[in-house]
């Protein structure tokens, strides 16, 4: 893909994102949101963030362990980032499509055949 087309697609993506954000937050009362945020204990927010990071790390290591038989060359870093990516897309897309995106992400990043990784999507982690 040439450079100009890539830049145009990126700008188009940003334009769609901004327009959707405007639609979503059009009727939001931000003063009330900031009022509620003043009542939240920052320690609890940081604790929740830390626990979430630990959860993603443990799940990434667990996934690497599960995939060791079929794909021994998967990197731990790739596994952890793929879990975070899947959680992000599962929050946005319906029917756990984030797991399919996770399989594609791993195959592209570590150059592993999709056939070996697709077990993630079809219950390879024992959901």
Protein backbone atom coordinates (compact mmCIF):
# COMPACT_ATOMS: atom_id res chain seq x y z
CA UNK A 1 0.00 0.00 0.00
CA UNK A 2 1.49 3.34 -0.95
CA UNK A 3 2.12 6.02 1.62
CA UNK A 4 -0.58 8.48 0.46
CA UNK A 5 -3.29 5.82 0.54
CA UNK A 6 -2.23 4.80 4.04
CA UNK A 7 -2.37 8.41 5.25
CA UNK A 8 -5.80 8.90 3.64
CA UNK A 9 -7.16 5.75 5.30
CA UNK A 10 -5.77 6.83 8.66
CA UNK A 11 -7.34 10.27 8.37
CA UNK A 12 -10.64 8.72 7.28
CA UNK A 13 -10.52 6.45 10.35
CA UNK A 14 -9.91 9.43 12.63
CA UNK A 15 -12.78 11.31 10.98
CA UNK A 16 -15.16 8.41 11.60
CA UNK A 17 -13.95 8.09 15.21
CA UNK A 18 -14.42 11.79 15.95
CA UNK A 19 -17.87 11.86 14.35
CA UNK A 20 -18.97 8.84 16.39
CA UNK A 21 -17.62 10.42 19.57
CA UNK A 22 -19.62 13.57 18.84
CA UNK A 23 -22.78 11.51 18.35
CA UNK A 24 -22.21 9.47 21.51
CA UNK A 25 -21.37 12.39 23.82
CA UNK A 26 -23.78 14.92 22.29
CA UNK A 27 -26.21 14.98 25.22
CA UNK A 28 -23.72 14.28 28.00
CA UNK A 29 -23.64 16.57 31.01
CA UNK A 30 -19.91 16.79 31.68
CA UNK A 31 -20.35 19.02 34.74
CA UNK A 32 -22.15 16.19 36.52
CA UNK A 33 -19.48 13.70 35.46
CA UNK A 34 -16.70 15.87 36.89
CA UNK A 35 -18.76 16.36 40.04
CA UNK A 36 -18.97 12.58 40.51
CA UNK A 37 -15.28 12.13 39.71
CA UNK A 38 -14.37 14.40 42.63
CA UNK A 39 -16.00 11.90 45.01
CA UNK A 40 -13.96 8.90 43.77
CA UNK A 41 -10.98 7.77 45.82
CA UNK A 42 -7.89 7.80 43.52
CA UNK A 43 -6.34 4.93 45.49
CA UNK A 44 -9.22 2.64 44.55
CA UNK A 45 -8.91 3.62 40.88
CA UNK A 46 -5.18 2.84 40.90
CA UNK A 47 -5.83 -0.43 42.73
CA UNK A 48 -8.41 -1.44 40.10
CA UNK A 49 -5.98 -0.52 37.32
CA UNK A 50 -3.20 -2.56 38.94
CA UNK A 51 -5.47 -5.58 39.41
CA UNK A 52 -6.60 -5.34 35.79
CA UNK A 53 -2.98 -5.25 34.57
CA UNK A 54 -2.14 -8.26 36.74
CA UNK A 55 -5.20 -10.10 35.38
CA UNK A 56 -4.15 -9.45 31.75
CA UNK A 57 -0.57 -10.55 32.50
CA UNK A 58 -1.70 -13.79 34.19
CA UNK A 59 -4.11 -14.54 31.37
CA UNK A 60 -1.41 -13.88 28.78
CA UNK A 61 0.95 -16.33 30.49
CA UNK A 62 -1.90 -18.84 30.78
CA UNK A 63 -2.61 -18.51 27.05
CA UNK A 64 1.08 -19.00 26.22
CA UNK A 65 1.05 -22.16 28.34
CA UNK A 66 -2.07 -23.48 26.58
CA UNK A 67 -0.67 -22.81 23.13
CA UNK A 68 2.77 -24.27 23.87
CA UNK A 69 1.97 -27.66 22.27
CA UNK A 70 0.71 -26.25 18.97
CA UNK A 71 2.84 -23.09 18.81
CA UNK A 72 5.95 -23.25 21.00
CA UNK A 73 7.47 -20.15 19.39
CA UNK A 74 4.81 -17.67 20.57
CA UNK A 75 6.37 -14.85 22.58
CA UNK A 76 5.06 -13.94 26.04
CA UNK A 77 4.84 -10.28 25.07
CA UNK A 78 2.68 -11.12 22.05
CA UNK A 79 0.44 -13.28 24.20
CA UNK A 80 -0.10 -10.54 26.80
CA UNK A 81 -0.77 -7.83 24.21
CA UNK A 82 -3.19 -10.12 22.37
CA UNK A 83 -5.20 -10.62 25.58
CA UNK A 84 -5.47 -6.86 26.08
CA UNK A 85 -6.48 -6.42 22.44
CA UNK A 86 -9.13 -9.13 22.73
CA UNK A 87 -10.57 -7.58 25.90
CA UNK A 88 -10.73 -4.20 24.19
CA UNK A 89 -12.54 -5.54 21.12
CA UNK A 90 -14.85 -7.75 23.19
CA UNK A 91 -16.02 -4.60 24.99
CA UNK A 92 -16.93 -3.01 21.64
CA UNK A 93 -17.92 -5.84 19.30
CA UNK A 94 -20.66 -8.42 19.88
CA UNK A 95 -20.32 -12.19 20.34
CA UNK A 96 -16.70 -12.35 21.44
CA UNK A 97 -15.26 -11.28 18.09
CA UNK A 98 -12.25 -10.01 20.01
CA UNK A 99 -11.04 -13.61 20.25
CA UNK A 100 -10.95 -13.86 16.46
CA UNK A 101 -9.03 -10.60 16.34
CA UNK A 102 -6.66 -12.02 18.98
CA UNK A 103 -5.95 -15.06 16.80
CA UNK A 104 -5.25 -12.88 13.76
CA UNK A 105 -3.06 -10.56 15.88
CA UNK A 106 -0.92 -13.43 17.14
CA UNK A 107 -0.56 -14.94 13.69
CA UNK A 108 0.50 -11.63 12.14
CA UNK A 109 2.84 -10.58 14.92
CA UNK A 110 4.69 -13.87 15.37
CA UNK A 111 4.19 -15.15 11.81
CA UNK A 112 2.33 -18.28 12.90
CA UNK A 113 -0.24 -19.97 10.67
CA UNK A 114 -3.81 -19.06 11.56
CA UNK A 115 -4.79 -22.75 11.59
CA UNK A 116 -2.64 -23.29 14.67
CA UNK A 117 -3.96 -20.23 16.48
CA UNK A 118 -7.66 -20.61 15.66
CA UNK A 119 -8.05 -23.02 18.60
CA UNK A 120 -8.18 -19.89 20.77
CA UNK A 121 -11.42 -18.85 19.13
CA UNK A 122 -13.03 -22.28 19.30
CA UNK A 123 -12.62 -22.80 23.02
CA UNK A 124 -8.91 -23.47 23.27
CA UNK A 125 -8.85 -21.80 26.67
CA UNK A 126 -11.71 -23.76 28.14
CA UNK A 127 -14.45 -21.12 28.24
